[in-house]
Amino acid sequence: MRKETENWSETCILCEEEKQKGIHIMQSFLCKECERHLVQLDPEHPKYKTYIVKLRKLKASTLYS
């Protein structure tokens, strides 16, 4: 899906910054930088637990058809 203007941005669920490039997971947005960092992050890293807590917000989003 393309946006009509180049000036749009969305808030990343991890870094909570406004970004233009990233992916949508369910109804949430994950910026490209956080996506890249997340897939390379070791489970023993201090930020890992923080990211897991923030990603749990995805489970709270329920899609109804």
Protein backbone atom coordinates (compact mmCIF):
# COMPACT_ATOMS: atom_id res chain seq x y z
CA MET A 1 0.00 0.00 0.00
CA ARG A 2 1.49 3.38 -1.01
CA LYS A 3 0.70 6.62 0.67
CA GLU A 4 -0.31 9.51 -1.57
CA THR A 5 2.21 11.96 -0.13
CA GLU A 6 5.86 11.70 0.85
CA ASN A 7 5.26 13.54 4.16
CA TRP A 8 3.48 10.78 6.12
CA SER A 9 5.05 8.99 9.07
CA GLU A 10 3.98 6.57 11.78
CA THR A 11 5.06 5.90 15.34
CA CYS A 12 7.22 2.81 15.86
CA ILE A 13 6.02 0.51 18.64
CA LEU A 14 9.60 -0.02 19.88
CA CYS A 15 11.48 3.28 19.67
CA GLU A 16 8.24 5.34 19.75
CA GLU A 17 9.66 7.75 17.14
CA GLU A 18 7.97 9.00 13.99
CA LYS A 19 9.44 7.14 10.99
CA GLN A 20 8.55 6.72 7.32
CA LYS A 21 10.05 3.31 6.53
CA GLY A 22 9.13 0.08 8.23
CA ILE A 23 6.68 -2.79 8.36
CA HIS A 24 3.19 -3.29 9.73
CA ILE A 25 2.54 -6.16 12.09
CA MET A 26 -1.18 -6.51 12.57
CA GLN A 27 -2.18 -2.88 13.23
CA SER A 28 1.18 -1.74 14.61
CA PHE A 29 4.17 -0.17 12.88
CA LEU A 30 7.80 -1.27 13.36
CA CYS A 31 10.43 1.02 11.83
CA LYS A 32 13.18 -0.37 9.61
CA GLU A 33 15.93 0.41 12.13
CA CYS A 34 14.16 -1.37 15.00
CA GLU A 35 13.31 -4.33 12.77
CA ARG A 36 16.98 -4.69 11.80
CA HIS A 37 18.12 -4.34 15.42
CA LEU A 38 15.49 -6.77 16.69
CA VAL A 39 16.44 -9.65 14.38
CA GLN A 40 20.12 -9.29 15.33
CA LEU A 41 19.53 -8.84 19.07
CA ASP A 42 20.86 -11.56 21.37
CA PRO A 43 18.36 -12.80 24.00
CA GLU A 44 20.96 -12.04 26.68
CA HIS A 45 21.13 -8.35 25.69
CA PRO A 46 19.62 -5.94 28.29
CA LYS A 47 17.23 -4.41 25.72
CA TYR A 48 15.78 -7.80 24.76
CA LYS A 49 13.40 -7.93 27.73
CA THR A 50 12.26 -4.34 27.07
CA TYR A 51 11.51 -5.15 23.43
CA ILE A 52 9.50 -8.24 24.41
CA VAL A 53 7.34 -6.15 26.76
CA LYS A 54 6.68 -3.61 24.00
CA LEU A 55 5.95 -6.32 21.43
CA ARG A 56 3.29 -7.79 23.72
CA LYS A 57 1.15 -4.81 22.69
CA LEU A 58 0.62 -6.74 19.46
CA LYS A 59 -1.36 -9.40 21.33
CA ALA A 60 -3.65 -6.72 22.71
CA SER A 61 -4.69 -5.74 19.19
CA THR A 62 -7.63 -7.86 18.15
CA LEU A 63 -8.89 -7.98 14.59
CA TYR A 64 -12.57 -8.56 14.07
CA SER A 65 -13.96 -9.69 10.75
